[in-house]
Protein backbone atom coordinates (compact mmCIF):
# COMPACT_ATOMS: atom_id res chain seq x y z
CA UNK A 1 -79.08 81.95 118.47
CA UNK A 2 -75.94 81.11 117.18
CA UNK A 3 -73.28 83.71 117.74
CA UNK A 4 -72.29 83.48 113.45
CA UNK A 5 -76.35 83.28 112.76
CA UNK A 6 -76.53 86.55 115.14
CA UNK A 7 -73.62 88.09 113.12
CA UNK A 8 -75.24 87.99 110.12
CA UNK A 9 -78.80 88.78 110.95
CA UNK A 10 -77.19 92.41 112.11
CA UNK A 11 -75.20 92.76 109.26
CA UNK A 12 -78.38 92.57 106.78
CA UNK A 13 -80.04 94.48 109.00
CA UNK A 14 -77.12 97.29 109.52
CA UNK A 15 -76.77 97.18 105.78
CA UNK A 16 -78.06 101.26 105.07
CA UNK A 17 -76.47 102.03 108.16
CA UNK A 18 -72.72 101.04 106.83
CA UNK A 19 -73.43 101.97 103.74
CA UNK A 20 -74.22 99.15 102.22
CA UNK A 21 -77.22 99.65 98.98
CA UNK A 22 -79.59 97.60 97.45
CA UNK A 23 -77.22 97.30 94.25
CA UNK A 24 -74.09 97.18 96.62
CA UNK A 25 -76.15 94.37 97.20
CA UNK A 26 -77.29 92.77 94.35
CA UNK A 27 -72.94 92.94 93.25
CA UNK A 28 -73.04 95.65 91.44
CA UNK A 29 -70.38 97.90 93.26
CA UNK A 30 -67.02 98.75 91.45
CA UNK A 31 -65.45 98.85 95.27
CA UNK A 32 -61.83 96.84 95.11
CA UNK A 33 -60.76 94.04 96.12
CA UNK A 34 -59.25 92.73 99.25
CA UNK A 35 -56.16 90.67 99.40
CA UNK A 36 -54.16 90.67 102.77
CA UNK A 37 -51.48 88.32 102.57
CA UNK A 38 -48.87 87.47 105.76
CA UNK A 39 -46.69 84.75 105.74
CA UNK A 40 -45.43 83.52 109.24
CA UNK A 41 -41.85 84.09 110.97
CA UNK A 42 -40.53 85.64 108.22
CA UNK A 43 -37.18 88.08 107.99
CA UNK A 44 -36.84 91.67 107.34
CA UNK A 45 -34.52 91.18 104.22
CA UNK A 46 -35.73 87.51 103.20
CA UNK A 47 -37.89 88.54 99.73
CA UNK A 48 -35.88 89.51 97.02
CA UNK A 49 -37.55 93.03 97.07
CA UNK A 50 -36.12 93.76 100.52
CA UNK A 51 -32.40 92.84 100.16
CA UNK A 52 -32.87 88.79 99.85
CA UNK A 53 -31.19 86.49 97.80
CA UNK A 54 -34.37 84.24 97.61
CA UNK A 55 -35.95 84.22 94.24
CA UNK A 56 -39.29 85.65 94.45
CA UNK A 57 -40.12 87.04 91.39
CA UNK A 58 -43.76 87.50 92.28
CA UNK A 59 -43.49 89.77 95.32
CA UNK A 60 -40.86 91.41 93.84
CA UNK A 61 -43.43 92.34 91.09
CA UNK A 62 -46.05 93.63 93.61
CA UNK A 63 -43.29 95.73 94.94
CA UNK A 64 -42.10 97.24 91.65
CA UNK A 65 -46.04 97.91 90.85
CA UNK A 66 -46.71 99.31 94.34
CA UNK A 67 -45.11 100.62 97.58
CA UNK A 68 -42.50 99.79 100.37
CA UNK A 69 -42.84 100.52 103.80
CA UNK A 70 -39.39 99.98 105.34
CA UNK A 71 -40.81 101.13 108.91
CA UNK A 72 -43.91 99.24 109.27
CA UNK A 73 -44.55 97.18 112.46
CA UNK A 74 -46.01 94.00 113.89
CA UNK A 75 -46.10 92.75 117.65
CA UNK A 76 -43.20 90.89 117.48
CA UNK A 77 -45.21 87.19 118.17
CA UNK A 78 -47.75 85.06 115.55
CA UNK A 79 -50.48 85.50 118.26
CA UNK A 80 -50.65 89.00 119.28
CA UNK A 81 -50.01 90.24 115.50
CA UNK A 82 -53.25 88.28 114.48
CA UNK A 83 -55.46 90.34 116.85
CA UNK A 84 -54.35 93.26 116.60
CA UNK A 85 -54.40 93.24 112.66
CA UNK A 86 -57.60 92.07 112.70
CA UNK A 87 -59.36 93.85 115.34
CA UNK A 88 -57.21 97.28 115.21
CA UNK A 89 -56.52 97.33 118.85
CA UNK A 90 -53.83 96.34 120.89
CA UNK A 91 -53.78 92.20 121.80
CA UNK A 92 -55.24 92.51 125.39
CA UNK A 93 -52.67 90.00 126.92
CA UNK A 94 -54.24 90.68 130.41
CA UNK A 95 -57.62 89.32 129.65
CA UNK A 96 -55.86 86.04 128.78
CA UNK A 97 -58.45 85.71 125.14
CA UNK A 98 -56.82 88.34 122.46
CA UNK A 99 -60.12 88.25 120.52
CA UNK A 100 -62.93 89.29 123.15
CA UNK A 101 -66.99 90.43 121.94
CA UNK A 102 -66.17 93.66 122.65
CA UNK A 103 -64.28 93.65 119.48
CA UNK A 104 -64.96 93.38 115.98
CA UNK A 105 -62.55 91.57 113.45
CA UNK A 106 -62.17 92.61 109.04
CA UNK A 107 -64.27 89.71 108.86
CA UNK A 108 -67.21 91.44 110.47
CA UNK A 109 -66.70 94.31 109.01
CA UNK A 110 -66.16 94.22 105.78
CA UNK A 111 -68.81 91.59 105.69
CA UNK A 112 -71.21 94.37 107.18
CA UNK A 113 -70.54 96.52 104.36
CA UNK A 114 -71.03 93.58 101.56
CA UNK A 115 -67.69 91.80 100.76
CA UNK A 116 -67.81 87.96 100.50
CA UNK A 117 -64.94 87.04 103.16
CA UNK A 118 -62.44 84.32 102.90
CA UNK A 119 -59.68 83.11 105.12
CA UNK A 120 -57.44 80.76 103.63
CA UNK A 121 -54.45 79.25 106.02
CA UNK A 122 -53.70 79.69 110.22
CA UNK A 123 -55.96 81.59 112.50
CA UNK A 124 -53.90 81.02 116.00
CA UNK A 125 -56.45 83.15 117.61
CA UNK A 126 -59.25 79.53 118.99
CA UNK A 127 -62.17 77.84 117.86
CA UNK A 128 -64.80 78.70 120.30
CA UNK A 129 -68.30 79.77 120.06
CA UNK A 130 -66.76 83.70 119.78
CA UNK A 131 -63.21 83.03 118.26
CA UNK A 132 -63.11 80.71 115.25
CA UNK A 133 -63.04 82.32 112.63
CA UNK A 134 -66.46 81.03 110.99
CA UNK A 135 -68.35 82.67 113.54
CA UNK A 136 -66.23 85.79 113.95
CA UNK A 137 -66.85 87.01 110.26
CA UNK A 138 -65.34 84.89 107.91
CA UNK A 139 -67.79 83.55 105.48
CA UNK A 140 -65.73 80.86 104.16
CA UNK A 141 -62.45 79.45 106.42
CA UNK A 142 -59.93 76.65 104.66
CA UNK A 143 -56.96 76.26 107.06
CA UNK A 144 -54.95 75.69 110.62
CA UNK A 145 -56.44 77.24 113.80
CA UNK A 146 -53.44 76.17 115.80
CA UNK A 147 -50.42 77.58 115.71
CA UNK A 148 -48.60 75.60 113.10
CA UNK A 149 -48.33 71.47 111.99
CA UNK A 150 -46.56 69.40 109.46
CA UNK A 151 -46.59 70.83 106.02
CA UNK A 152 -47.70 67.76 104.30
CA UNK A 153 -49.33 65.98 106.75
CA UNK A 154 -51.57 68.29 109.55
CA UNK A 155 -53.19 65.36 110.99
CA UNK A 156 -49.61 64.06 112.65
CA UNK A 157 -48.94 64.42 115.57
CA UNK A 158 -46.79 67.69 116.81
CA UNK A 159 -43.90 66.74 118.84
CA UNK A 160 -43.71 70.23 120.00
CA UNK A 161 -46.89 70.92 121.06
CA UNK A 162 -48.16 69.53 124.60
CA UNK A 163 -47.21 65.88 124.14
CA UNK A 164 -47.89 65.70 120.69
CA UNK A 165 -51.11 66.72 119.93
CA UNK A 166 -52.80 66.99 116.73
CA UNK A 167 -53.40 70.44 115.63
CA UNK A 168 -56.86 71.92 114.50
CA UNK A 169 -57.24 71.95 111.05
CA UNK A 170 -60.98 73.20 109.53
CA UNK A 171 -62.88 73.72 106.28
CA UNK A 172 -65.64 76.50 107.92
CA UNK A 173 -66.93 74.74 111.28
CA UNK A 174 -66.27 71.87 110.64
CA UNK A 175 -62.75 69.96 111.81
CA UNK A 176 -60.40 68.09 109.04
CA UNK A 177 -58.70 65.02 110.34
CA UNK A 178 -57.52 63.31 107.52
CA UNK A 179 -55.39 64.75 103.51
CA UNK A 180 -54.41 63.37 100.35
CA UNK A 181 -51.25 62.62 99.55
CA UNK A 182 -49.74 65.22 97.73
CA UNK A 183 -51.41 67.86 100.29
CA UNK A 184 -48.97 71.06 101.15
CA UNK A 185 -50.13 73.50 103.00
CA UNK A 186 -48.74 76.44 100.65
CA UNK A 187 -50.51 74.55 97.88
CA UNK A 188 -53.83 74.22 99.70
CA UNK A 189 -54.36 77.49 101.11
CA UNK A 190 -53.57 78.83 97.80
CA UNK A 191 -56.13 76.31 96.02
CA UNK A 192 -58.62 77.37 98.34
CA UNK A 193 -58.26 81.14 97.95
CA UNK A 194 -58.42 81.13 94.01
CA UNK A 195 -61.58 79.17 94.47
CA UNK A 196 -63.15 81.88 96.71
CA UNK A 197 -62.03 84.70 93.91
CA UNK A 198 -63.17 82.60 91.15
CA UNK A 199 -66.46 82.66 92.97
CA UNK A 200 -67.09 85.73 94.38
CA UNK A 201 -66.27 87.14 91.05
CA UNK A 202 -69.04 85.28 89.72
CA UNK A 203 -71.26 86.68 91.60
CA UNK A 204 -69.80 90.36 91.13
CA UNK A 205 -69.23 90.64 94.94
CA UNK A 206 -66.04 92.28 96.02
CA UNK A 207 -63.84 89.70 98.06
CA UNK A 208 -61.67 90.63 101.68
CA UNK A 209 -59.62 87.26 100.99
CA UNK A 210 -56.90 87.07 104.07
CA UNK A 211 -54.66 84.66 102.88
CA UNK A 212 -52.19 83.65 105.60
CA UNK A 213 -49.47 81.66 104.93
CA UNK A 214 -47.78 78.67 107.56
CA UNK A 215 -44.35 79.07 105.91
CA UNK A 216 -41.90 79.61 106.60
CA UNK A 217 -42.87 78.81 109.95
CA UNK A 218 -40.97 75.67 111.51
CA UNK A 219 -41.21 72.58 110.98
CA UNK A 220 -39.10 73.36 107.91
CA UNK A 221 -41.01 71.55 105.34
CA UNK A 222 -41.13 72.08 101.78
CA UNK A 223 -40.71 70.09 98.09
CA UNK A 224 -37.64 68.64 97.27
CA UNK A 225 -37.22 69.93 93.51
CA UNK A 226 -37.70 73.66 95.55
CA UNK A 227 -35.32 72.74 98.28
CA UNK A 228 -32.54 72.01 95.42
CA UNK A 229 -32.56 74.78 94.23
CA UNK A 230 -30.68 76.18 96.95
CA UNK A 231 -28.56 73.87 98.62
CA UNK A 232 -24.88 74.82 98.52
CA UNK A 233 -25.87 78.32 98.25
CA UNK A 234 -25.74 79.43 102.18
CA UNK A 235 -22.27 77.25 102.85
CA UNK A 236 -20.23 81.28 103.66
CA UNK A 237 -22.60 81.74 106.62
CA UNK A 238 -24.86 83.90 108.23
CA UNK A 239 -22.53 86.60 108.82
CA UNK A 240 -21.90 86.66 105.32
CA UNK A 241 -25.47 86.17 103.99
CA UNK A 242 -26.19 89.20 106.15
CA UNK A 243 -23.52 91.25 104.79
CA UNK A 244 -24.70 90.78 100.82
CA UNK A 245 -28.38 91.14 102.06
CA UNK A 246 -27.41 94.90 103.56
CA UNK A 247 -25.28 95.46 100.19
CA UNK A 248 -28.28 95.28 98.65
CA UNK A 249 -30.74 97.09 100.66
CA UNK A 250 -28.32 99.82 100.36
CA UNK A 251 -27.55 99.56 96.60
CA UNK A 252 -31.57 99.42 95.50
CA UNK A 253 -32.65 102.00 98.23
CA UNK A 254 -34.40 100.65 100.59
CA UNK A 255 -31.84 101.79 103.15
CA UNK A 256 -31.80 105.19 102.30
CA UNK A 257 -28.20 106.60 104.24
CA UNK A 258 -26.35 103.50 105.22
CA UNK A 259 -24.86 106.12 108.04
CA UNK A 260 -28.39 105.87 109.46
CA UNK A 261 -28.53 102.25 109.22
CA UNK A 262 -25.25 100.80 110.20
CA UNK A 263 -25.20 96.61 109.99
CA UNK A 264 -25.72 95.28 113.26
CA UNK A 265 -23.42 93.85 115.75
CA UNK A 266 -23.00 89.94 115.82
CA UNK A 267 -25.27 88.36 118.20
CA UNK A 268 -24.05 86.69 121.02
CA UNK A 269 -26.75 83.91 120.97
CA UNK A 270 -25.23 82.90 117.53
CA UNK A 271 -22.49 80.86 117.14
CA UNK A 272 -19.14 81.54 115.09
CA UNK A 273 -19.46 79.75 111.59
CA UNK A 274 -16.59 77.91 111.94
CA UNK A 275 -18.43 76.09 115.05
CA UNK A 276 -20.93 74.98 113.41
CA UNK A 277 -21.52 72.18 110.62
CA UNK A 278 -21.65 73.82 107.08
CA UNK A 279 -22.86 71.59 105.46
CA UNK A 280 -26.08 70.85 107.63
CA UNK A 281 -26.90 74.00 108.19
CA UNK A 282 -26.76 74.58 104.11
CA UNK A 283 -29.86 72.64 103.96
CA UNK A 284 -30.99 73.81 106.93
CA UNK A 285 -31.53 76.84 105.53
CA UNK A 286 -31.93 75.59 101.62
CA UNK A 287 -35.20 74.82 103.27
CA UNK A 288 -36.23 77.43 104.50
CA UNK A 289 -35.58 79.49 101.56
CA UNK A 290 -37.72 76.89 99.53
CA UNK A 291 -40.85 77.53 101.59
CA UNK A 292 -40.37 81.39 100.61
CA UNK A 293 -39.70 80.57 97.15
CA UNK A 294 -42.87 78.25 96.89
CA UNK A 295 -44.50 80.76 98.96
CA UNK A 296 -44.42 83.20 95.48
CA UNK A 297 -44.77 80.60 92.91
CA UNK A 298 -48.07 80.40 94.65
CA UNK A 299 -48.70 83.82 94.32
CA UNK A 300 -47.98 83.84 90.99
CA UNK A 301 -50.85 81.37 91.20
CA UNK A 302 -53.11 83.84 92.59
CA UNK A 303 -51.73 86.48 90.67
CA UNK A 304 -52.60 84.86 87.56
CA UNK A 305 -56.24 83.99 88.63
CA UNK A 306 -56.46 87.79 89.56
CA UNK A 307 -55.69 88.97 86.18
CA UNK A 308 -58.28 85.73 84.15
CA UNK A 309 -60.53 87.07 85.76
CA UNK A 310 -59.88 90.45 85.01
CA UNK A 311 -60.17 91.45 88.57
CA UNK A 312 -56.46 91.93 88.63
CA UNK A 313 -56.12 96.33 88.72
CA UNK A 314 -59.52 96.35 90.62
CA UNK A 315 -57.74 95.06 93.68
CA UNK A 316 -56.05 96.17 96.74
CA UNK A 317 -53.14 93.53 97.81
CA UNK A 318 -50.50 93.95 100.50
CA UNK A 319 -47.80 91.30 101.42
CA UNK A 320 -46.16 91.81 104.99
CA UNK A 321 -44.77 89.02 107.65
CA UNK A 322 -46.42 88.23 111.24
CA UNK A 323 -42.99 88.97 113.05
CA UNK A 324 -39.01 88.21 112.39
CA UNK A 325 -37.18 86.01 111.63
CA UNK A 326 -37.54 83.24 114.46
CA UNK A 327 -34.56 81.49 116.34
CA UNK A 328 -37.02 79.12 118.62
CA UNK A 329 -36.03 75.45 119.17
CA UNK A 330 -38.90 73.59 118.53
CA UNK A 331 -39.23 71.67 121.96
CA UNK A 332 -38.70 68.24 123.30
CA UNK A 333 -39.13 65.52 121.07
CA UNK A 334 -38.37 67.43 117.67
CA UNK A 335 -36.02 66.04 114.87
CA UNK A 336 -32.60 67.15 114.43
CA UNK A 337 -32.58 67.93 110.62
CA UNK A 338 -34.02 69.59 107.76
CA UNK A 339 -37.21 68.30 105.42
CA UNK A 340 -37.78 67.65 102.95
CA UNK A 341 -40.99 66.41 105.39
CA UNK A 342 -40.06 63.31 108.02
CA UNK A 343 -38.30 65.90 110.67
CA UNK A 344 -39.07 69.07 112.61
CA UNK A 345 -36.97 71.70 113.21
CA UNK A 346 -36.31 75.31 113.01
CA UNK A 347 -34.68 77.24 111.05
CA UNK A 348 -32.00 78.03 114.54
CA UNK A 349 -30.23 80.64 115.52
CA UNK A 350 -28.11 82.10 113.53
CA UNK A 351 -30.29 82.16 110.36
CA UNK A 352 -33.49 83.26 111.92
CA UNK A 353 -31.19 86.85 112.66
CA UNK A 354 -29.95 87.50 109.33
CA UNK A 355 -33.23 86.85 107.64
CA UNK A 356 -33.78 90.09 109.88
CA UNK A 357 -30.62 92.43 108.30
CA UNK A 358 -29.78 95.06 108.63
CA UNK A 359 -31.67 94.96 112.49
CA UNK A 360 -30.66 92.74 115.76
CA UNK A 361 -32.55 90.39 117.63
CA UNK A 362 -35.16 88.61 116.14
CA UNK A 363 -38.96 86.92 116.86
CA UNK A 364 -39.96 87.51 120.22
CA UNK A 365 -38.03 90.40 121.16
CA UNK A 366 -38.77 94.39 120.76
CA UNK A 367 -35.85 95.02 119.24
CA UNK A 368 -36.21 96.32 115.57
CA UNK A 369 -34.92 92.56 114.55
CA UNK A 370 -38.57 91.27 116.44
CA UNK A 371 -41.79 93.81 114.93
CA UNK A 372 -40.48 95.07 111.49
CA UNK A 373 -41.78 93.61 108.74
CA UNK A 374 -41.61 94.07 104.73
CA UNK A 375 -45.47 95.56 103.71
CA UNK A 376 -45.59 95.94 100.12
CA UNK A 377 -48.99 97.38 98.48
CA UNK A 378 -50.19 97.52 94.86
CA UNK A 379 -53.23 99.73 94.66
CA UNK A 380 -53.77 100.67 90.92
CA UNK A 381 -54.33 104.31 90.11
CA UNK A 382 -53.62 104.93 94.35
CA UNK A 383 -49.91 103.63 95.00
CA UNK A 384 -46.92 104.93 92.94
CA UNK A 385 -45.28 102.29 91.70
CA UNK A 386 -42.32 101.43 92.65
CA UNK A 387 -42.24 104.09 95.68
CA UNK A 388 -41.21 103.52 99.39
CA UNK A 389 -42.61 104.47 101.89
CA UNK A 390 -40.35 106.01 104.45
CA UNK A 391 -43.01 107.30 107.46
CA UNK A 392 -43.96 105.13 110.62
CA UNK A 393 -46.73 102.21 110.25
CA UNK A 394 -48.29 99.45 112.41
CA UNK A 395 -50.05 96.54 112.48
CA UNK A 396 -53.28 98.40 114.14
CA UNK A 397 -53.68 100.70 111.04
CA UNK A 398 -55.16 98.14 108.66
CA UNK A 399 -58.58 97.93 110.14
CA UNK A 400 -59.17 101.89 109.84
CA UNK A 401 -57.28 101.52 106.13
CA UNK A 402 -59.62 99.28 105.12
CA UNK A 403 -62.69 100.32 106.68
CA UNK A 404 -61.57 103.23 104.24
CA UNK A 405 -60.72 101.19 101.09
CA UNK A 406 -63.68 99.49 101.34
CA UNK A 407 -66.36 102.20 102.20
CA UNK A 408 -67.26 100.01 105.41
CA UNK A 409 -68.29 101.86 108.67
CA UNK A 410 -66.45 100.95 112.40
CA UNK A 411 -69.64 99.54 114.15
CA UNK A 412 -70.00 101.32 118.12
CA UNK A 413 -71.88 98.04 118.87
CA UNK A 414 -71.84 95.09 117.38
CA UNK A 415 -74.09 91.81 118.24
CA UNK A 416 -75.17 93.67 121.01
CA UNK A 417 -72.16 94.24 122.83
CA UNK A 418 -70.30 97.58 123.19
CA UNK A 419 -66.73 97.54 120.62
CA UNK A 420 -63.90 99.32 121.54
CA UNK A 421 -62.78 101.95 119.44
CA UNK A 422 -59.81 101.30 116.76
CA UNK A 423 -56.89 102.72 117.99
CA UNK A 424 -54.62 102.94 114.50
CA UNK A 425 -55.25 105.48 112.12
CA UNK A 426 -55.79 104.98 107.99
CA UNK A 427 -52.28 104.36 105.83
CA UNK A 428 -54.31 105.41 102.56
CA UNK A 429 -53.01 109.17 102.74
CA UNK A 430 -49.31 107.29 103.15
CA UNK A 431 -50.43 105.67 99.43
CA UNK A 432 -51.15 109.08 97.56
CA UNK A 433 -47.55 110.29 98.97
CA UNK A 434 -48.39 112.04 102.03
CA UNK A 435 -47.70 111.46 105.65
CA UNK A 436 -49.83 109.21 107.68
CA UNK A 437 -51.18 110.23 111.38
CA UNK A 438 -48.95 108.67 113.87
CA UNK A 439 -49.14 108.01 117.58
CA UNK A 440 -46.57 107.10 120.04
CA UNK A 441 -46.27 102.60 119.59
CA UNK A 442 -46.32 100.22 122.24
CA UNK A 443 -45.06 96.53 122.39
CA UNK A 444 -45.53 93.80 124.80
CA UNK A 445 -44.46 90.36 125.02
CA UNK A 446 -43.05 87.73 127.67
CA UNK A 447 -40.30 89.91 128.90
CA UNK A 448 -39.92 91.79 126.24
CA UNK A 449 -41.67 95.87 126.16
CA UNK A 450 -41.33 99.25 123.82
CA UNK A 451 -42.50 102.31 123.12
CA UNK A 452 -41.77 104.61 120.23
CA UNK A 453 -42.58 107.60 120.26
CA UNK A 454 -41.46 109.80 116.84
CA UNK A 455 -37.86 109.72 116.62
CA UNK A 456 -36.88 107.67 120.43
CA UNK A 457 -37.60 104.04 120.88
CA UNK A 458 -37.11 103.10 124.57
CA UNK A 459 -37.08 98.99 124.54
CA UNK A 460 -36.29 96.48 127.38
CA UNK A 461 -35.36 93.46 126.03
CA UNK A 462 -36.48 90.28 128.28
CA UNK A 463 -33.43 88.80 129.12
CA UNK A 464 -31.51 91.61 129.97
CA UNK A 465 -34.10 93.85 132.03
CA UNK A 466 -32.78 96.91 131.45
CA UNK A 467 -34.65 100.01 129.49
CA UNK A 468 -32.28 100.59 125.94
CA UNK A 469 -33.04 104.10 124.29
CA UNK A 470 -32.60 104.94 120.70
CA UNK A 471 -32.84 107.79 118.28
CA UNK A 472 -34.58 105.92 115.35
CA UNK A 473 -33.85 108.63 112.99
CA UNK A 474 -30.33 108.78 113.25
CA UNK A 475 -29.56 105.04 114.30
CA UNK A 476 -32.77 102.44 113.14
CA UNK A 477 -30.50 99.63 113.78
CA UNK A 478 -29.81 100.05 117.28
CA UNK A 479 -26.71 100.48 117.36
CA UNK A 480 -25.74 103.11 119.81
CA UNK A 481 -27.87 103.32 123.64
CA UNK A 482 -28.68 106.20 124.66
CA UNK A 483 -29.82 105.27 127.86
CA UNK A 484 -26.92 107.43 130.21
CA UNK A 485 -26.83 110.41 127.46
CA UNK A 486 -30.99 110.98 127.48
CA UNK A 487 -32.13 110.10 131.36
CA UNK A 488 -35.04 112.55 130.96
CA UNK A 489 -36.41 111.21 127.76
CA UNK A 490 -35.60 107.54 128.91
CA UNK A 491 -37.37 108.48 132.11
CA UNK A 492 -40.84 109.95 129.62
CA UNK A 493 -41.06 107.18 127.53
CA UNK A 494 -40.97 104.73 130.17
CA UNK A 495 -43.41 106.28 132.16
CA UNK A 496 -45.91 106.59 128.61
CA UNK A 497 -45.18 103.13 128.29
CA UNK A 498 -46.03 101.92 131.30
CA UNK A 499 -49.61 104.01 131.07
CA UNK A 500 -49.98 102.08 127.55
CA UNK A 501 -49.39 98.97 128.97
CA UNK A 502 -52.13 99.98 131.60
CA UNK A 503 -54.89 101.23 128.91
CA UNK A 504 -54.47 99.01 126.93
CA UNK A 505 -54.18 95.49 129.13
CA UNK A 506 -51.37 94.90 127.55
CA UNK A 507 -49.06 92.71 130.51
CA UNK A 508 -50.57 89.23 130.63
CA UNK A 509 -52.99 88.17 133.76
CA UNK A 510 -50.84 88.60 137.64
CA UNK A 511 -48.29 91.29 136.37
CA UNK A 512 -48.13 95.07 136.81
CA UNK A 513 -46.12 97.92 134.97
CA UNK A 514 -44.01 97.78 137.90
CA UNK A 515 -42.76 94.68 137.88
CA UNK A 516 -39.97 93.36 136.16
CA UNK A 517 -40.67 90.94 133.48
C-alpha cells in the first residue's frame, strides 16, 4: 500500500476521532476556508502596508481589513522555513531530511479534518515516496518541487544548479516537462489555486489552500509591461530607498517608537551607490518590484474568485514571506542582467539589504533582517480590521493556529508512526487582541545562529563567529551590542541555545554545539 493511500485510509478511519462528523464529510459544515499565501525571498519592507513603494493594493487591502504582525519570524532560509511552517516543528537539520515520517504536515492534519487540501506553487522539501506533497496530505498539487526555476519556462536548464539541471515541476504525482508559450509561474499557480477553490465550493467542502509563489526569488523575470512601471524609480540608490521606507513605516504606525526601531547602519557587503552602474541597478530593482507587483495582481484575482463564490468573508487569509530579502549570488553560469525572461540574476546585495528596512542583514542570517517577515491575517469577525499585533510569533505557531481554526486534531500517531509533538502555540488569542503564549525561540542556518527569550536575543553571524546580545524592546534593529555590558545574560542565552540545538536536532550532521561554524 502506498504511503498516500495509507494516509487516506487512516484519515477516513479516524473521522470521528478528529472531530469530522458525517455532516462535515457531506460538506455542510461552516468551518472557514484557509488560504495561506507565502512569497519567496521578499523583504520586510517591500509591500506597501509595510513601508514599500511597490504597488500592492490588494495585499494592502488585506492589511486594512485585517491584522499586521510586527514581530513575526521565519527561519531565514527557504527549506527550513517551509519545513517548520508545514509541520509546526523546528527544522531537524541533523537528520539531513526536513520532512520525516515522525512529523505530520498541515495538509495531512487538515485533510483528516475534512478539508480539501491544495498546494499551488513551490514545495522545496523533496519529491520522494515520503516527501512528495501529493503523498503528504495534499489532494491537489501543482508547482515547483525544487527551489527555483525559470519563471517563464521551468523546463529550461538552471545555470546555477548542479551543472544546469532541469528543475522538478509536477501536477500531483506526474512530472511536467513542457509548458505553454504564455506560461508565467505567478499566473499559473494562481490559475490552479482558483480552479481548486471553485471546485471545492461546488462540493460544499472547506478548502485549505497553500499558495506558495516563487516570486520574487531569482532569476529576476517579469512581464515587460509591469517592469516598465518601475524603470527610473530607483536611480537614487539603496540608501535613499531604505530611508524613504523607514519614514513611511514610522508615519503609518508600523514602527510605534522610532527611538526603539532605529534605521540600522550601512551594511559592509553593500557597495557605495556612487561606485555602481546606476542605470543597470535601477533596471534590476525594477524587475524585482514588477515580480511583487504581479503577485499582488494575482492575489487580487484570488480575492475576486472568493467574492464570486461567496467565500470571501468565510475565508481566513494569511500572507507572509519565507525569509528576508536575498543577497545571494546565483552562481556560475548565470548571466549578469535582469529579465524580462532570458537572463538569470539575483536582486543583489544592495537591494536585498534595502528590502529589509529598517533591519540589518538579510536572508541566511539570523539578525532581524534575515528572519523578520510581514504577516497579515484577515479573518472577519475574529481579527480587528486595520490593527497591529506587536507581540512575538513564529512560523511554528501556524500548525496549532490552523488546527484550532479548522477544528482539527493534531495526532500522536499517524500512518503507524509516533508523531513529534507541536512546538508552537496558537495565534488565535493574538487575533483577538490577547498576548499569545511565547516560549524562547531558536534559529540555526549554517554558521548563523540565535535565540530570543523575551526582550533579549543572542545572535551569531556566520561570517563573524562571535556571539552578540541585543535588547529588542529597546533596540529592535540591533544597533547596540550588549555582549560586554551584560555577559551573564549572554551566557544564559548561549547555554539555552546549545540546549535547544541538541533537543531539536538543529545542527547539521557532523557538528556539535561546542563547535564554531
